[in-house]
Amino acid sequence: MTDHPQTPPLPVPPPEEEYAPKPEVGVGPWDGELPDGDHWDHELLADGDRRNVVDQYRYWKHDAIVADLDSKRHNFHIAIENWQHDMNIGTVVRTANAFLAKEVHIIGRRRWNRRGAMVTDRYQHVRHHPTVEDFVAWAQGEGLAIIGIDIFPDSVPLETYELPKDCVLVFGQEGPGLTPEVHDAALATLSIEQFGSTRSINAASAAAIAMHAWIRRHVFNQPVS
């Protein structure tokens, strides 16, 4: 009997979507006569702008974008406690940039994971406070109401609370939540109404909901129901 060599298995083709060209992010070089103005970045005009920015800021210098954002930032601040290197902070910074918060404040550890921020921290002011006491003293000096977002026995619903215009919304570490020190310093602690089986939602999701509640009230002038 003659041994016949086994035919090697045919390679499995990759999924169709791998053949499709991936769309380029942003825009290519400027087409036409170059615009006038100090805010334009001549390298971006020549090479294209692949940054994660809205169309209004295409080809603008970084400093010019920040200056324009600074001229129209909203009155609310965001703070998040970072005692155990919270992975949600990057996402909170990204959302704060989207809603044009005045500043984001990191309480506790200075280092935080920037991956979720998607480079938006380049356009969003971020301030560090080593302790709760430092943060509270700063907020009081700025005349800002400290509003905690967490589930406590004395928490009131975010949905029916009249958020102050000048405030700082504070979020706790994922898991432990707000520390007692922040709870004691807060003008009010607000909870987000939930209707499923879980006791709490992700800190970054809670931050997005609270920021949008402020936007509805103070940008679109929608009173709480």
C-alpha atoms as a PDB file:
ATOM      1  CA  MET A   1       0.000   0.000   0.000  1.00  0.00           C
ATOM      2  CA  THR A   2       1.383   3.385  -0.975  1.00  0.00           C
ATOM      3  CA  ASP A   3       1.177   6.209   1.523  1.00  0.00           C
ATOM      4  CA  HIS A   4      -0.300   9.340   0.036  1.00  0.00           C
ATOM      5  CA  PRO A   5       0.675  12.687   1.582  1.00  0.00           C
ATOM      6  CA  GLN A   6      -2.193  14.451   3.291  1.00  0.00           C
ATOM      7  CA  THR A   7      -3.484  17.559   1.582  1.00  0.00           C
ATOM      8  CA  PRO A   8      -2.931  20.566   3.842  1.00  0.00           C
ATOM      9  CA  PRO A   9      -6.136  22.307   4.868  1.00  0.00           C
ATOM     10  CA  LEU A  10      -7.076  25.352   2.889  1.00  0.00           C
ATOM     11  CA  PRO A  11      -6.574  28.635   4.740  1.00  0.00           C
ATOM     12  CA  VAL A  12      -9.732  30.165   6.127  1.00  0.00           C
ATOM     13  CA  PRO A  13     -10.350  33.490   4.395  1.00  0.00           C
ATOM     14  CA  PRO A  14     -10.710  36.516   6.656  1.00  0.00           C
ATOM     15  CA  PRO A  15     -14.148  38.054   7.093  1.00  0.00           C
ATOM     16  CA  GLU A  16     -15.329  40.278   4.282  1.00  0.00           C
ATOM     17  CA  GLU A  17     -15.088  43.384   6.409  1.00  0.00           C
ATOM     18  CA  GLU A  18     -11.310  42.939   6.672  1.00  0.00           C
ATOM     19  CA  TYR A  19     -11.014  43.508   2.930  1.00  0.00           C
ATOM     20  CA  ALA A  20     -12.913  46.775   3.089  1.00  0.00           C
ATOM     21  CA  PRO A  21     -10.680  49.845   3.269  1.00  0.00           C
ATOM     22  CA  LYS A  22     -10.860  51.554   6.632  1.00  0.00           C
ATOM     23  CA  PRO A  23     -12.183  55.097   6.351  1.00  0.00           C
ATOM     24  CA  GLU A  24      -9.707  57.847   7.077  1.00  0.00           C
ATOM     25  CA  VAL A  25     -10.394  60.009  10.090  1.00  0.00           C
ATOM     26  CA  GLY A  26     -10.595  63.752   9.601  1.00  0.00           C
ATOM     27  CA  VAL A  27      -9.829  65.680   6.438  1.00  0.00           C
ATOM     28  CA  GLY A  28      -6.976  65.907   3.959  1.00  0.00           C
ATOM     29  CA  PRO A  29      -4.949  68.949   2.943  1.00  0.00           C
ATOM     30  CA  TRP A  30      -6.802  72.233   2.445  1.00  0.00           C
ATOM     31  CA  ASP A  31      -8.185  72.552  -1.073  1.00  0.00           C
ATOM     32  CA  GLY A  32      -8.044  76.017  -2.596  1.00  0.00           C
ATOM     33  CA  GLU A  33      -6.748  79.377  -1.509  1.00  0.00           C
ATOM     34  CA  LEU A  34      -5.375  79.320   2.036  1.00  0.00           C
ATOM     35  CA  PRO A  35      -7.504  81.150   4.623  1.00  0.00           C
ATOM     36  CA  ASP A  36      -6.308  84.146   6.619  1.00  0.00           C
ATOM     37  CA  GLY A  37      -6.199  84.267  10.410  1.00  0.00           C
ATOM     38  CA  ASP A  38      -3.839  83.570  13.291  1.00  0.00           C
ATOM     39  CA  HIS A  39      -5.887  80.578  14.462  1.00  0.00           C
ATOM     40  CA  TRP A  40      -5.040  78.467  11.409  1.00  0.00           C
ATOM     41  CA  ASP A  41      -2.309  75.824  11.690  1.00  0.00           C
ATOM     42  CA  HIS A  42      -0.256  75.936   8.489  1.00  0.00           C
ATOM     43  CA  GLU A  43       1.087  72.383   8.922  1.00  0.00           C
ATOM     44  CA  LEU A  44      -2.452  71.018   9.227  1.00  0.00           C
ATOM     45  CA  LEU A  45      -3.574  73.040   6.212  1.00  0.00           C
ATOM     46  CA  ALA A  46      -0.750  71.491   4.196  1.00  0.00           C
ATOM     47  CA  ASP A  47      -0.910  67.905   5.491  1.00  0.00           C
ATOM     48  CA  GLY A  48      -4.517  67.440   6.608  1.00  0.00           C
ATOM     49  CA  ASP A  49      -6.177  67.327  10.010  1.00  0.00           C
ATOM     50  CA  ARG A  50      -6.757  63.839  11.449  1.00  0.00           C
ATOM     51  CA  ARG A  51      -7.564  64.920  15.019  1.00  0.00           C
ATOM     52  CA  ASN A  52     -10.739  64.008  16.871  1.00  0.00           C
ATOM     53  CA  VAL A  53     -12.286  67.485  16.708  1.00  0.00           C
ATOM     54  CA  VAL A  54     -15.584  68.825  15.394  1.00  0.00           C
ATOM     55  CA  ASP A  55     -15.616  70.342  11.914  1.00  0.00           C
ATOM     56  CA  GLN A  56     -15.656  73.870  13.312  1.00  0.00           C
ATOM     57  CA  TYR A  57     -12.102  73.359  14.596  1.00  0.00           C
ATOM     58  CA  ARG A  58     -10.593  71.633  11.577  1.00  0.00           C
ATOM     59  CA  TYR A  59      -7.134  73.036  10.759  1.00  0.00           C
ATOM     60  CA  TRP A  60      -7.139  75.237  13.884  1.00  0.00           C
ATOM     61  CA  LYS A  61      -4.111  75.503  16.156  1.00  0.00           C
ATOM     62  CA  HIS A  62      -4.485  73.610  19.422  1.00  0.00           C
ATOM     63  CA  ASP A  63      -4.105  76.753  21.549  1.00  0.00           C
ATOM     64  CA  ALA A  64      -6.711  78.558  19.446  1.00  0.00           C
ATOM     65  CA  ILE A  65      -9.221  75.741  20.010  1.00  0.00           C
ATOM     66  CA  VAL A  66      -8.671  75.819  23.779  1.00  0.00           C
ATOM     67  CA  ALA A  67      -8.988  79.616  23.840  1.00  0.00           C
ATOM     68  CA  ASP A  68     -12.271  79.465  21.936  1.00  0.00           C
ATOM     69  CA  LEU A  69     -13.615  76.760  24.270  1.00  0.00           C
ATOM     70  CA  ASP A  70     -12.537  78.827  27.283  1.00  0.00           C
ATOM     71  CA  SER A  71     -14.618  81.742  26.026  1.00  0.00           C
ATOM     72  CA  LYS A  72     -17.850  79.753  26.304  1.00  0.00           C
ATOM     73  CA  ARG A  73     -17.387  77.039  28.940  1.00  0.00           C
ATOM     74  CA  HIS A  74     -20.346  76.258  31.169  1.00  0.00           C
ATOM     75  CA  ASN A  75     -20.555  77.036  34.879  1.00  0.00           C
ATOM     76  CA  PHE A  76     -20.448  73.473  36.186  1.00  0.00           C
ATOM     77  CA  HIS A  77     -17.366  71.518  37.213  1.00  0.00           C
ATOM     78  CA  ILE A  78     -16.868  67.765  37.520  1.00  0.00           C
ATOM     79  CA  ALA A  79     -14.895  66.005  40.252  1.00  0.00           C
ATOM     80  CA  ILE A  80     -14.113  62.334  40.714  1.00  0.00           C
ATOM     81  CA  GLU A  81     -12.359  60.609  43.590  1.00  0.00           C
ATOM     82  CA  ASN A  82      -9.359  58.540  42.523  1.00  0.00           C
ATOM     83  CA  TRP A  83      -8.054  56.544  45.455  1.00  0.00           C
ATOM     84  CA  GLN A  84      -7.568  53.251  43.570  1.00  0.00           C
ATOM     85  CA  HIS A  85      -6.683  54.411  40.044  1.00  0.00           C
ATOM     86  CA  ASP A  86     -10.264  54.518  38.765  1.00  0.00           C
ATOM     87  CA  MET A  87     -10.502  53.392  35.119  1.00  0.00           C
ATOM     88  CA  ASN A  88     -13.579  55.558  34.515  1.00  0.00           C
ATOM     89  CA  ILE A  89     -11.799  58.900  34.746  1.00  0.00           C
ATOM     90  CA  GLY A  90     -10.763  59.018  31.087  1.00  0.00           C
ATOM     91  CA  THR A  91     -14.367  58.507  29.995  1.00  0.00           C
ATOM     92  CA  VAL A  92     -15.562  61.168  32.448  1.00  0.00           C
ATOM     93  CA  VAL A  93     -13.032  63.640  31.010  1.00  0.00           C
ATOM     94  CA  ARG A  94     -14.196  62.868  27.481  1.00  0.00           C
ATOM     95  CA  THR A  95     -17.839  63.465  28.441  1.00  0.00           C
ATOM     96  CA  ALA A  96     -16.926  66.646  30.330  1.00  0.00           C
ATOM     97  CA  ASN A  97     -15.286  67.916  27.160  1.00  0.00           C
ATOM     98  CA  ALA A  98     -18.394  67.063  25.135  1.00  0.00           C
ATOM     99  CA  PHE A  99     -20.619  69.034  27.533  1.00  0.00           C
ATOM    100  CA  LEU A 100     -18.007  71.820  27.897  1.00  0.00           C
ATOM    101  CA  ALA A 101     -17.502  71.625  31.657  1.00  0.00           C
ATOM    102  CA  LYS A 102     -15.424  74.380  33.191  1.00  0.00           C
ATOM    103  CA  GLU A 103     -12.902  71.955  34.719  1.00  0.00           C
ATOM    104  CA  VAL A 104     -12.472  68.338  35.764  1.00  0.00           C
ATOM    105  CA  HIS A 105     -11.044  67.754  39.241  1.00  0.00           C
ATOM    106  CA  ILE A 106      -9.189  64.625  40.298  1.00  0.00           C
ATOM    107  CA  ILE A 107      -9.298  64.066  44.070  1.00  0.00           C
ATOM    108  CA  GLY A 108      -6.707  61.675  45.478  1.00  0.00           C
ATOM    109  CA  ARG A 109      -4.140  60.020  43.249  1.00  0.00           C
ATOM    110  CA  ARG A 110      -2.683  62.313  40.602  1.00  0.00           C
ATOM    111  CA  ARG A 111      -2.171  59.613  37.977  1.00  0.00           C
ATOM    112  CA  TRP A 112      -5.193  58.453  36.004  1.00  0.00           C
ATOM    113  CA  ASN A 113      -5.772  56.302  32.932  1.00  0.00           C
ATOM    114  CA  ARG A 114      -6.001  58.631  29.935  1.00  0.00           C
ATOM    115  CA  ARG A 115      -6.961  56.001  27.372  1.00  0.00           C
ATOM    116  CA  GLY A 116     -10.700  56.569  27.730  1.00  0.00           C
ATOM    117  CA  ALA A 117     -10.251  60.320  27.287  1.00  0.00           C
ATOM    118  CA  MET A 118      -9.414  59.835  23.576  1.00  0.00           C
ATOM    119  CA  VAL A 119      -7.018  62.828  23.703  1.00  0.00           C
ATOM    120  CA  THR A 120      -9.834  65.163  24.850  1.00  0.00           C
ATOM    121  CA  ASP A 121      -7.770  65.990  27.951  1.00  0.00           C
ATOM    122  CA  ARG A 122      -5.704  68.217  25.640  1.00  0.00           C
ATOM    123  CA  TYR A 123      -8.732  70.495  25.348  1.00  0.00           C
ATOM    124  CA  GLN A 124     -10.259  70.044  28.821  1.00  0.00           C
ATOM    125  CA  HIS A 125      -8.790  71.680  31.922  1.00  0.00           C
ATOM    126  CA  VAL A 126      -7.957  69.066  34.574  1.00  0.00           C
ATOM    127  CA  ARG A 127      -6.994  70.047  38.146  1.00  0.00           C
ATOM    128  CA  HIS A 128      -5.631  67.807  40.892  1.00  0.00           C
ATOM    129  CA  HIS A 129      -6.487  67.963  44.616  1.00  0.00           C
ATOM    130  CA  PRO A 130      -4.481  65.609  46.851  1.00  0.00           C
ATOM    131  CA  THR A 131      -7.132  65.436  49.586  1.00  0.00           C
ATOM    132  CA  VAL A 132     -10.855  65.975  50.041  1.00  0.00           C
ATOM    133  CA  GLU A 133     -10.046  68.875  52.380  1.00  0.00           C
ATOM    134  CA  ASP A 134      -8.069  70.633  49.638  1.00  0.00           C
ATOM    135  CA  PHE A 135     -10.902  70.117  47.176  1.00  0.00           C
ATOM    136  CA  VAL A 136     -13.599  71.372  49.568  1.00  0.00           C
ATOM    137  CA  ALA A 137     -11.562  74.474  50.427  1.00  0.00           C
ATOM    138  CA  TRP A 138     -11.099  75.226  46.723  1.00  0.00           C
ATOM    139  CA  ALA A 139     -14.814  74.771  45.920  1.00  0.00           C
ATOM    140  CA  GLN A 140     -15.890  76.976  48.823  1.00  0.00           C
ATOM    141  CA  GLY A 141     -13.397  79.640  47.785  1.00  0.00           C
ATOM    142  CA  GLU A 142     -14.890  79.626  44.281  1.00  0.00           C
ATOM    143  CA  GLY A 143     -18.448  79.861  45.608  1.00  0.00           C
ATOM    144  CA  LEU A 144     -19.424  76.521  44.069  1.00  0.00           C
ATOM    145  CA  ALA A 145     -22.087  74.243  45.510  1.00  0.00           C
ATOM    146  CA  ILE A 146     -20.738  70.725  46.039  1.00  0.00           C
ATOM    147  CA  ILE A 147     -23.271  68.215  44.708  1.00  0.00           C
ATOM    148  CA  GLY A 148     -22.553  64.528  45.297  1.00  0.00           C
ATOM    149  CA  ILE A 149     -23.934  61.844  43.002  1.00  0.00           C
ATOM    150  CA  ASP A 150     -24.377  58.564  44.895  1.00  0.00           C
ATOM    151  CA  ILE A 151     -26.876  56.394  46.727  1.00  0.00           C
ATOM    152  CA  PHE A 152     -27.183  57.354  50.384  1.00  0.00           C
ATOM    153  CA  PRO A 153     -30.186  57.165  52.723  1.00  0.00           C
ATOM    154  CA  ASP A 154     -30.487  60.953  52.472  1.00  0.00           C
ATOM    155  CA  SER A 155     -30.012  61.148  48.683  1.00  0.00           C
ATOM    156  CA  VAL A 156     -32.729  62.888  46.694  1.00  0.00           C
ATOM    157  CA  PRO A 157     -33.626  62.148  43.063  1.00  0.00           C
ATOM    158  CA  LEU A 158     -31.532  63.935  40.445  1.00  0.00           C
ATOM    159  CA  GLU A 159     -34.632  63.974  38.257  1.00  0.00           C
ATOM    160  CA  THR A 160     -36.516  66.326  40.590  1.00  0.00           C
ATOM    161  CA  TYR A 161     -33.643  68.335  42.105  1.00  0.00           C
ATOM    162  CA  GLU A 162     -33.027  71.941  41.039  1.00  0.00           C
ATOM    163  CA  LEU A 163     -29.330  71.802  40.144  1.00  0.00           C
ATOM    164  CA  PRO A 164     -27.518  75.058  40.964  1.00  0.00           C
ATOM    165  CA  LYS A 165     -25.982  76.864  38.020  1.00  0.00           C
ATOM    166  CA  ASP A 166     -22.613  77.269  39.762  1.00  0.00           C
ATOM    167  CA  CYS A 167     -21.755  73.846  41.096  1.00  0.00           C
ATOM    168  CA  VAL A 168     -19.316  70.961  41.062  1.00  0.00           C
ATOM    169  CA  LEU A 169     -20.761  67.492  40.537  1.00  0.00           C
ATOM    170  CA  VAL A 170     -18.744  64.914  42.483  1.00  0.00           C
ATOM    171  CA  PHE A 171     -18.542  61.187  41.748  1.00  0.00           C
ATOM    172  CA  GLY A 172     -17.001  58.473  43.870  1.00  0.00           C
ATOM    173  CA  GLN A 173     -14.641  55.657  43.101  1.00  0.00           C
ATOM    174  CA  GLU A 174     -16.230  52.790  41.191  1.00  0.00           C
ATOM    175  CA  GLY A 175     -17.391  50.351  43.876  1.00  0.00           C
ATOM    176  CA  PRO A 176     -16.957  52.216  47.178  1.00  0.00           C
ATOM    177  CA  GLY A 177     -18.655  55.379  45.916  1.00  0.00           C
ATOM    178  CA  LEU A 178     -18.288  58.778  47.554  1.00  0.00           C
ATOM    179  CA  THR A 179     -16.250  58.991  50.727  1.00  0.00           C
ATOM    180  CA  PRO A 180     -17.989  60.144  53.939  1.00  0.00           C
ATOM    181  CA  GLU A 181     -15.899  63.339  53.810  1.00  0.00           C
ATOM    182  CA  VAL A 182     -17.388  64.373  50.457  1.00  0.00           C
ATOM    183  CA  HIS A 183     -20.853  63.304  51.570  1.00  0.00           C
ATOM    184  CA  ASP A 184     -20.580  65.540  54.647  1.00  0.00           C
ATOM    185  CA  ALA A 185     -19.304  68.511  52.618  1.00  0.00           C
ATOM    186  CA  ALA A 186     -21.988  68.286  49.917  1.00  0.00           C
ATOM    187  CA  LEU A 187     -24.919  70.673  49.783  1.00  0.00           C
ATOM    188  CA  ALA A 188     -26.945  67.679  48.580  1.00  0.00           C
ATOM    189  CA  THR A 189     -26.366  64.122  47.433  1.00  0.00           C
ATOM    190  CA  LEU A 190     -28.395  63.009  44.441  1.00  0.00           C
ATOM    191  CA  SER A 191     -29.338  59.542  43.225  1.00  0.00           C
ATOM    192  CA  ILE A 192     -30.278  58.499  39.696  1.00  0.00           C
ATOM    193  CA  GLU A 193     -33.551  56.612  39.461  1.00  0.00           C
ATOM    194  CA  GLN A 194     -33.143  53.030  38.236  1.00  0.00           C
ATOM    195  CA  PHE A 195     -35.748  50.497  37.216  1.00  0.00           C
ATOM    196  CA  GLY A 196     -33.863  47.219  36.789  1.00  0.00           C
ATOM    197  CA  SER A 197     -32.295  44.723  39.163  1.00  0.00           C
ATOM    198  CA  THR A 198     -28.852  46.290  39.639  1.00  0.00           C
ATOM    199  CA  ARG A 199     -28.224  48.522  42.626  1.00  0.00           C
ATOM    200  CA  SER A 200     -25.983  51.030  40.859  1.00  0.00           C
ATOM    201  CA  ILE A 201     -24.704  52.076  37.459  1.00  0.00           C
ATOM    202  CA  ASN A 202     -21.188  52.684  36.204  1.00  0.00           C
ATOM    203  CA  ALA A 203     -19.590  55.890  37.512  1.00  0.00           C
ATOM    204  CA  ALA A 204     -18.847  57.186  34.000  1.00  0.00           C
ATOM    205  CA  SER A 205     -22.467  56.572  32.967  1.00  0.00           C
ATOM    206  CA  ALA A 206     -23.735  58.348  36.071  1.00  0.00           C
ATOM    207  CA  ALA A 207     -21.486  61.312  35.298  1.00  0.00           C
ATOM    208  CA  ALA A 208     -22.859  61.565  31.761  1.00  0.00           C
ATOM    209  CA  ILE A 209     -26.455  61.503  33.030  1.00  0.00           C
ATOM    210  CA  ALA A 210     -25.768  64.189  35.653  1.00  0.00           C
ATOM    211  CA  MET A 211     -23.955  66.457  33.197  1.00  0.00           C
ATOM    212  CA  HIS A 212     -26.807  66.184  30.737  1.00  0.00           C
ATOM    213  CA  ALA A 213     -29.277  67.045  33.509  1.00  0.00           C
ATOM    214  CA  TRP A 214     -27.333  70.272  34.114  1.00  0.00           C
ATOM    215  CA  ILE A 215     -27.298  71.023  30.358  1.00  0.00           C
ATOM    216  CA  ARG A 216     -31.073  70.522  30.082  1.00  0.00           C
ATOM    217  CA  ARG A 217     -31.713  72.828  33.008  1.00  0.00           C
ATOM    218  CA  HIS A 218     -29.260  75.659  32.316  1.00  0.00           C
ATOM    219  CA  VAL A 219     -28.663  75.561  28.541  1.00  0.00           C
ATOM    220  CA  PHE A 220     -32.093  74.513  27.270  1.00  0.00           C
ATOM    221  CA  ASN A 221     -33.939  76.035  30.261  1.00  0.00           C
ATOM    222  CA  GLN A 222     -35.965  72.905  30.916  1.00  0.00           C
ATOM    223  CA  PRO A 223     -37.287  73.035  34.512  1.00  0.00           C
ATOM    224  CA  VAL A 224     -37.202  69.849  36.563  1.00  0.00           C
ATOM    225  CA  SER A 225     -40.493  67.971  36.645  1.00  0.00           C
END
